[in-house]
Amino acid sequence: MAKHFIAVLTLVFLSHMGQAQSTTDYVEQAFNAGSAKELIKYFNQVTEVKINDVGANYSKAQAEPMLRDFFKQNPPTSFEYIHKGKSPEGLKYNIGLYTSRSKNYRVVLLLKVVNDEYVVDTINFNED
């Protein structure tokens, strides 16, 4: 009985770890593809989006055209995470470097758990 309980707890823990990793992996893939449509799949219902300190809280429907324009003006050549961390409250933060043909952006993502899944709650692009 105790072994079964420990096995179940281990599976639950690993599945939550996998969800967090999957979200960050999918977000990374969306950045590398320059796909606003894919990126917003991992957004909270309302997400703070800022580009060079200009922005606000947007629904997924409002954020998609804004991000589509960003990717159109700044087609990706690469995106990679340069730092990942977690707060004591369980929030995850990732810092990435988005490189386009002409500009580089530091991207800060804040992820939180909603309905047992990590979602992007805040995303900030700042030109380097």
N, C-alpha and C. Protein backbone atom coordinates (compact mmCIF):
# COMPACT_ATOMS: atom_id res chain seq x y z
N MET A 1 0.83 -1.20 0.00
CA MET A 1 0.00 0.00 0.00
C MET A 1 0.87 1.25 0.00
N ALA A 2 1.87 1.30 0.86
CA ALA A 2 2.75 2.46 0.93
C ALA A 2 3.53 2.63 -0.37
N LYS A 3 3.98 1.52 -0.96
CA LYS A 3 4.71 1.59 -2.23
C LYS A 3 3.82 2.14 -3.34
N HIS A 4 2.56 1.70 -3.34
CA HIS A 4 1.60 2.19 -4.34
C HIS A 4 1.39 3.70 -4.17
N PHE A 5 1.25 4.15 -2.93
CA PHE A 5 1.05 5.57 -2.65
C PHE A 5 2.25 6.39 -3.11
N ILE A 6 3.45 5.91 -2.83
CA ILE A 6 4.66 6.62 -3.25
C ILE A 6 4.76 6.64 -4.76
N ALA A 7 4.40 5.55 -5.42
CA ALA A 7 4.44 5.50 -6.88
C ALA A 7 3.47 6.52 -7.48
N VAL A 8 2.27 6.62 -6.90
CA VAL A 8 1.28 7.57 -7.40
C VAL A 8 1.78 9.01 -7.19
N LEU A 9 2.33 9.29 -6.01
CA LEU A 9 2.86 10.63 -5.75
C LEU A 9 3.99 10.98 -6.71
N THR A 10 4.84 10.03 -7.00
CA THR A 10 5.93 10.25 -7.94
C THR A 10 5.39 10.56 -9.32
N LEU A 11 4.40 9.82 -9.77
CA LEU A 11 3.80 10.07 -11.09
C LEU A 11 3.14 11.44 -11.15
N VAL A 12 2.44 11.83 -10.11
CA VAL A 12 1.80 13.14 -10.07
C VAL A 12 2.86 14.24 -10.13
N PHE A 13 3.92 14.08 -9.35
CA PHE A 13 5.00 15.07 -9.35
C PHE A 13 5.64 15.17 -10.72
N LEU A 14 5.96 14.04 -11.33
CA LEU A 14 6.59 14.04 -12.64
C LEU A 14 5.68 14.61 -13.72
N SER A 15 4.39 14.34 -13.62
CA SER A 15 3.47 14.87 -14.63
C SER A 15 3.41 16.38 -14.54
N HIS A 16 3.45 16.93 -13.32
CA HIS A 16 3.45 18.39 -13.18
C HIS A 16 4.76 18.98 -13.68
N MET A 17 5.86 18.30 -13.43
CA MET A 17 7.15 18.77 -13.95
C MET A 17 7.11 18.75 -15.47
N GLY A 18 6.55 17.71 -16.05
CA GLY A 18 6.47 17.58 -17.50
C GLY A 18 5.61 18.68 -18.12
N GLN A 19 4.52 19.04 -17.45
CA GLN A 19 3.67 20.10 -17.98
C GLN A 19 4.41 21.42 -18.03
N ALA A 20 5.14 21.73 -16.99
CA ALA A 20 5.89 22.99 -16.97
C ALA A 20 6.93 22.97 -18.08
N GLN A 21 7.62 21.88 -18.22
CA GLN A 21 8.64 21.77 -19.25
C GLN A 21 7.99 21.81 -20.63
N SER A 22 6.88 21.13 -20.80
CA SER A 22 6.21 21.13 -22.09
C SER A 22 5.79 22.53 -22.50
N THR A 23 5.25 23.29 -21.57
CA THR A 23 4.83 24.65 -21.88
C THR A 23 6.03 25.47 -22.37
N THR A 24 7.13 25.40 -21.64
CA THR A 24 8.29 26.19 -22.05
C THR A 24 8.85 25.69 -23.38
N ASP A 25 8.82 24.38 -23.59
CA ASP A 25 9.28 23.84 -24.87
C ASP A 25 8.41 24.31 -26.02
N TYR A 26 7.10 24.26 -25.84
CA TYR A 26 6.18 24.69 -26.90
C TYR A 26 6.31 26.19 -27.17
N VAL A 27 6.50 26.97 -26.13
CA VAL A 27 6.69 28.40 -26.30
C VAL A 27 7.97 28.66 -27.10
N GLU A 28 9.03 27.94 -26.76
CA GLU A 28 10.29 28.08 -27.49
C GLU A 28 10.11 27.72 -28.97
N GLN A 29 9.39 26.65 -29.24
CA GLN A 29 9.12 26.26 -30.63
C GLN A 29 8.32 27.32 -31.37
N ALA A 30 7.33 27.90 -30.69
CA ALA A 30 6.51 28.95 -31.32
C ALA A 30 7.36 30.18 -31.65
N PHE A 31 8.26 30.55 -30.75
CA PHE A 31 9.17 31.67 -31.03
C PHE A 31 10.05 31.37 -32.23
N ASN A 32 10.64 30.19 -32.25
CA ASN A 32 11.52 29.84 -33.36
C ASN A 32 10.79 29.77 -34.69
N ALA A 33 9.50 29.46 -34.65
CA ALA A 33 8.68 29.42 -35.86
C ALA A 33 8.12 30.80 -36.21
N GLY A 34 8.18 31.74 -35.26
CA GLY A 34 7.58 33.05 -35.47
C GLY A 34 6.07 32.95 -35.59
N SER A 35 5.46 32.08 -34.77
CA SER A 35 4.03 31.81 -34.87
C SER A 35 3.25 32.37 -33.68
N ALA A 36 2.55 33.46 -33.92
CA ALA A 36 1.68 34.03 -32.88
C ALA A 36 0.56 33.06 -32.54
N LYS A 37 0.04 32.39 -33.55
CA LYS A 37 -1.07 31.45 -33.36
C LYS A 37 -0.67 30.33 -32.39
N GLU A 38 0.53 29.80 -32.55
CA GLU A 38 1.01 28.75 -31.64
C GLU A 38 1.34 29.31 -30.27
N LEU A 39 1.94 30.49 -30.23
CA LEU A 39 2.36 31.08 -28.97
C LEU A 39 1.18 31.34 -28.04
N ILE A 40 0.10 31.89 -28.58
CA ILE A 40 -1.03 32.25 -27.70
C ILE A 40 -1.76 31.02 -27.15
N LYS A 41 -1.52 29.85 -27.72
CA LYS A 41 -2.12 28.62 -27.16
C LYS A 41 -1.69 28.42 -25.71
N TYR A 42 -0.56 28.98 -25.34
CA TYR A 42 0.00 28.77 -24.01
C TYR A 42 -0.15 30.00 -23.13
N PHE A 43 -0.97 30.96 -23.56
CA PHE A 43 -1.24 32.16 -22.79
C PHE A 43 -2.39 31.91 -21.82
N ASN A 44 -2.39 32.69 -20.74
CA ASN A 44 -3.53 32.75 -19.84
C ASN A 44 -4.69 33.41 -20.59
N GLN A 45 -5.88 33.37 -20.06
CA GLN A 45 -7.02 33.99 -20.73
C GLN A 45 -6.77 35.48 -20.96
N VAL A 46 -6.15 36.13 -19.99
CA VAL A 46 -5.71 37.52 -20.13
C VAL A 46 -4.23 37.53 -19.75
N THR A 47 -3.41 38.07 -20.64
CA THR A 47 -1.96 38.06 -20.46
C THR A 47 -1.41 39.46 -20.66
N GLU A 48 -0.48 39.84 -19.81
CA GLU A 48 0.20 41.12 -19.99
C GLU A 48 1.24 40.95 -21.09
N VAL A 49 1.12 41.77 -22.14
CA VAL A 49 2.05 41.73 -23.26
C VAL A 49 2.63 43.13 -23.42
N LYS A 50 3.97 43.22 -23.39
CA LYS A 50 4.63 44.51 -23.59
C LYS A 50 5.77 44.33 -24.58
N ILE A 51 5.88 45.29 -25.49
CA ILE A 51 6.99 45.34 -26.43
C ILE A 51 7.65 46.70 -26.23
N ASN A 52 8.91 46.67 -25.80
CA ASN A 52 9.65 47.89 -25.46
C ASN A 52 8.85 48.79 -24.51
N ASP A 53 8.33 48.17 -23.47
CA ASP A 53 7.59 48.85 -22.40
C ASP A 53 6.25 49.45 -22.82
N VAL A 54 5.76 49.09 -24.00
CA VAL A 54 4.45 49.54 -24.45
C VAL A 54 3.54 48.33 -24.55
N GLY A 55 2.42 48.39 -23.85
CA GLY A 55 1.48 47.28 -23.91
C GLY A 55 0.48 47.35 -22.78
N ALA A 56 -0.23 46.25 -22.60
CA ALA A 56 -1.27 46.20 -21.58
C ALA A 56 -1.65 44.74 -21.38
N ASN A 57 -2.78 44.53 -20.71
CA ASN A 57 -3.34 43.19 -20.56
C ASN A 57 -4.25 42.91 -21.74
N TYR A 58 -4.03 41.76 -22.39
CA TYR A 58 -4.78 41.42 -23.59
C TYR A 58 -5.37 40.02 -23.49
N SER A 59 -6.54 39.85 -24.09
CA SER A 59 -7.08 38.51 -24.27
C SER A 59 -6.24 37.82 -25.34
N LYS A 60 -6.43 36.53 -25.49
CA LYS A 60 -5.70 35.80 -26.54
C LYS A 60 -6.02 36.39 -27.92
N ALA A 61 -7.31 36.71 -28.14
CA ALA A 61 -7.73 37.25 -29.44
C ALA A 61 -7.09 38.61 -29.71
N GLN A 62 -6.89 39.41 -28.68
CA GLN A 62 -6.25 40.72 -28.85
C GLN A 62 -4.73 40.59 -29.00
N ALA A 63 -4.15 39.64 -28.32
CA ALA A 63 -2.69 39.47 -28.35
C ALA A 63 -2.20 38.89 -29.67
N GLU A 64 -2.99 38.03 -30.28
CA GLU A 64 -2.52 37.35 -31.49
C GLU A 64 -2.13 38.30 -32.62
N PRO A 65 -2.98 39.27 -33.03
CA PRO A 65 -2.56 40.16 -34.11
C PRO A 65 -1.36 41.03 -33.74
N MET A 66 -1.27 41.42 -32.48
CA MET A 66 -0.13 42.21 -32.02
C MET A 66 1.17 41.40 -32.18
N LEU A 67 1.14 40.15 -31.76
CA LEU A 67 2.32 39.30 -31.87
C LEU A 67 2.60 38.91 -33.32
N ARG A 68 1.55 38.73 -34.09
CA ARG A 68 1.72 38.42 -35.53
C ARG A 68 2.47 39.57 -36.21
N ASP A 69 2.09 40.81 -35.89
CA ASP A 69 2.78 41.98 -36.44
C ASP A 69 4.24 42.02 -35.98
N PHE A 70 4.46 41.71 -34.71
CA PHE A 70 5.83 41.69 -34.19
C PHE A 70 6.68 40.69 -34.98
N PHE A 71 6.17 39.48 -35.16
CA PHE A 71 6.92 38.45 -35.88
C PHE A 71 7.10 38.81 -37.37
N LYS A 72 6.11 39.49 -37.94
CA LYS A 72 6.22 39.91 -39.34
C LYS A 72 7.32 40.96 -39.50
N GLN A 73 7.39 41.89 -38.56
CA GLN A 73 8.41 42.94 -38.61
C GLN A 73 9.78 42.44 -38.15
N ASN A 74 9.79 41.38 -37.37
CA ASN A 74 11.03 40.84 -36.80
C ASN A 74 11.07 39.32 -36.97
N PRO A 75 11.19 38.83 -38.20
CA PRO A 75 11.19 37.37 -38.41
C PRO A 75 12.32 36.71 -37.61
N PRO A 76 12.04 35.58 -36.98
CA PRO A 76 13.05 34.97 -36.11
C PRO A 76 14.20 34.32 -36.88
N THR A 77 15.38 34.48 -36.33
CA THR A 77 16.50 33.65 -36.77
C THR A 77 16.82 32.64 -35.67
N SER A 78 16.51 33.02 -34.41
CA SER A 78 16.67 32.06 -33.31
C SER A 78 15.99 32.58 -32.05
N PHE A 79 15.71 31.63 -31.17
CA PHE A 79 15.23 31.95 -29.83
C PHE A 79 15.79 30.88 -28.90
N GLU A 80 16.35 31.33 -27.79
CA GLU A 80 16.84 30.37 -26.81
C GLU A 80 16.69 30.96 -25.41
N TYR A 81 16.42 30.07 -24.46
CA TYR A 81 16.35 30.50 -23.07
C TYR A 81 17.76 30.69 -22.54
N ILE A 82 17.94 31.79 -21.80
CA ILE A 82 19.25 32.02 -21.19
C ILE A 82 19.16 31.90 -19.67
N HIS A 83 17.94 31.85 -19.12
CA HIS A 83 17.78 31.66 -17.68
C HIS A 83 16.36 31.17 -17.41
N LYS A 84 16.26 30.24 -16.46
CA LYS A 84 14.95 29.75 -15.99
C LYS A 84 15.00 29.71 -14.47
N GLY A 85 13.87 30.06 -13.85
CA GLY A 85 13.82 30.03 -12.40
C GLY A 85 12.40 29.83 -11.90
N LYS A 86 12.29 29.74 -10.58
CA LYS A 86 10.99 29.52 -9.95
C LYS A 86 10.95 30.28 -8.63
N SER A 87 9.82 30.93 -8.38
CA SER A 87 9.65 31.67 -7.13
C SER A 87 9.16 30.71 -6.05
N PRO A 88 9.28 31.12 -4.79
CA PRO A 88 8.76 30.28 -3.70
C PRO A 88 7.24 30.05 -3.81
N GLU A 89 6.54 30.95 -4.50
CA GLU A 89 5.09 30.82 -4.66
C GLU A 89 4.72 29.88 -5.80
N GLY A 90 5.70 29.36 -6.53
CA GLY A 90 5.43 28.42 -7.61
C GLY A 90 5.36 29.05 -8.99
N LEU A 91 5.60 30.36 -9.08
CA LEU A 91 5.64 31.01 -10.39
C LEU A 91 6.95 30.65 -11.08
N LYS A 92 6.90 30.42 -12.36
CA LYS A 92 8.11 30.17 -13.12
C LYS A 92 8.41 31.39 -13.97
N TYR A 93 9.68 31.70 -14.11
CA TYR A 93 10.08 32.79 -14.98
C TYR A 93 11.19 32.29 -15.89
N ASN A 94 11.10 32.72 -17.12
CA ASN A 94 12.09 32.37 -18.13
C ASN A 94 12.55 33.64 -18.82
N ILE A 95 13.84 33.71 -19.06
CA ILE A 95 14.39 34.82 -19.83
C ILE A 95 14.99 34.22 -21.08
N GLY A 96 14.61 34.77 -22.22
CA GLY A 96 15.10 34.26 -23.49
C GLY A 96 15.69 35.36 -24.33
N LEU A 97 16.45 34.94 -25.32
CA LEU A 97 17.01 35.88 -26.29
C LEU A 97 16.39 35.56 -27.65
N TYR A 98 15.62 36.53 -28.16
CA TYR A 98 14.98 36.41 -29.47
C TYR A 98 15.82 37.20 -30.46
N THR A 99 16.28 36.53 -31.49
CA THR A 99 17.12 37.17 -32.49
C THR A 99 16.38 37.18 -33.82
N SER A 100 16.26 38.38 -34.41
CA SER A 100 15.70 38.50 -35.75
C SER A 100 16.84 38.93 -36.67
N ARG A 101 16.52 39.16 -37.92
CA ARG A 101 17.57 39.55 -38.87
C ARG A 101 18.25 40.85 -38.49
N SER A 102 17.49 41.79 -37.92
CA SER A 102 18.05 43.11 -37.66
C SER A 102 18.11 43.51 -36.18
N LYS A 103 17.36 42.81 -35.31
CA LYS A 103 17.30 43.22 -33.91
C LYS A 103 17.35 42.01 -32.98
N ASN A 104 17.78 42.28 -31.75
CA ASN A 104 17.75 41.27 -30.69
C ASN A 104 16.82 41.77 -29.58
N TYR A 105 16.06 40.86 -29.02
CA TYR A 105 15.16 41.19 -27.93
C TYR A 105 15.39 40.25 -26.76
N ARG A 106 15.37 40.82 -25.58
CA ARG A 106 15.35 40.01 -24.36
C ARG A 106 13.87 39.80 -24.05
N VAL A 107 13.49 38.55 -23.88
CA VAL A 107 12.09 38.21 -23.63
C VAL A 107 11.98 37.64 -22.22
N VAL A 108 11.14 38.25 -21.42
CA VAL A 108 10.90 37.77 -20.06
C VAL A 108 9.48 37.21 -20.00
N LEU A 109 9.39 35.96 -19.58
CA LEU A 109 8.10 35.28 -19.47
C LEU A 109 7.84 34.91 -18.02
N LEU A 110 6.64 35.17 -17.55
CA LEU A 110 6.20 34.73 -16.23
C LEU A 110 5.08 33.73 -16.45
N LEU A 111 5.26 32.54 -15.88
CA LEU A 111 4.27 31.48 -16.04
C LEU A 111 3.67 31.13 -14.69
N LYS A 112 2.37 30.89 -14.68
CA LYS A 112 1.72 30.48 -13.45
C LYS A 112 0.79 29.31 -13.74
N VAL A 113 0.42 28.61 -12.68
CA VAL A 113 -0.44 27.44 -12.82
C VAL A 113 -1.90 27.89 -12.87
N VAL A 114 -2.59 27.44 -13.91
CA VAL A 114 -4.03 27.65 -14.06
C VAL A 114 -4.62 26.31 -14.47
N ASN A 115 -5.56 25.81 -13.70
CA ASN A 115 -6.17 24.50 -13.98
C ASN A 115 -5.12 23.41 -14.17
N ASP A 116 -4.16 23.37 -13.25
CA ASP A 116 -3.10 22.34 -13.22
C ASP A 116 -2.13 22.40 -14.39
N GLU A 117 -2.09 23.51 -15.12
CA GLU A 117 -1.14 23.67 -16.22
C GLU A 117 -0.46 25.02 -16.11
N TYR A 118 0.81 25.06 -16.50
CA TYR A 118 1.51 26.34 -16.56
C TYR A 118 1.09 27.08 -17.82
N VAL A 119 0.78 28.36 -17.65
CA VAL A 119 0.43 29.23 -18.78
C VAL A 119 1.25 30.51 -18.68
N VAL A 120 1.46 31.17 -19.81
CA VAL A 120 2.17 32.44 -19.83
C VAL A 120 1.21 33.51 -19.32
N ASP A 121 1.61 34.17 -18.23
CA ASP A 121 0.78 35.21 -17.63
C ASP A 121 1.30 36.61 -17.99
N THR A 122 2.61 36.70 -18.23
CA THR A 122 3.24 37.96 -18.60
C THR A 122 4.33 37.68 -19.62
N ILE A 123 4.42 38.53 -20.65
CA ILE A 123 5.50 38.42 -21.61
C ILE A 123 5.96 39.83 -21.97
N ASN A 124 7.26 40.07 -21.81
CA ASN A 124 7.84 41.38 -22.09
C ASN A 124 8.99 41.22 -23.07
N PHE A 125 8.95 42.00 -24.14
CA PHE A 125 10.02 42.05 -25.14
C PHE A 125 10.74 43.38 -24.95
N ASN A 126 12.05 43.33 -24.80
CA ASN A 126 12.82 44.57 -24.72
C ASN A 126 14.00 44.46 -25.67
N GLU A 127 14.08 45.44 -26.57
CA GLU A 127 15.15 45.44 -27.55
C GLU A 127 16.49 45.61 -26.85
N ASP A 128 17.44 44.75 -27.20
CA ASP A 128 18.80 44.85 -26.63
C ASP A 128 19.59 45.92 -27.34
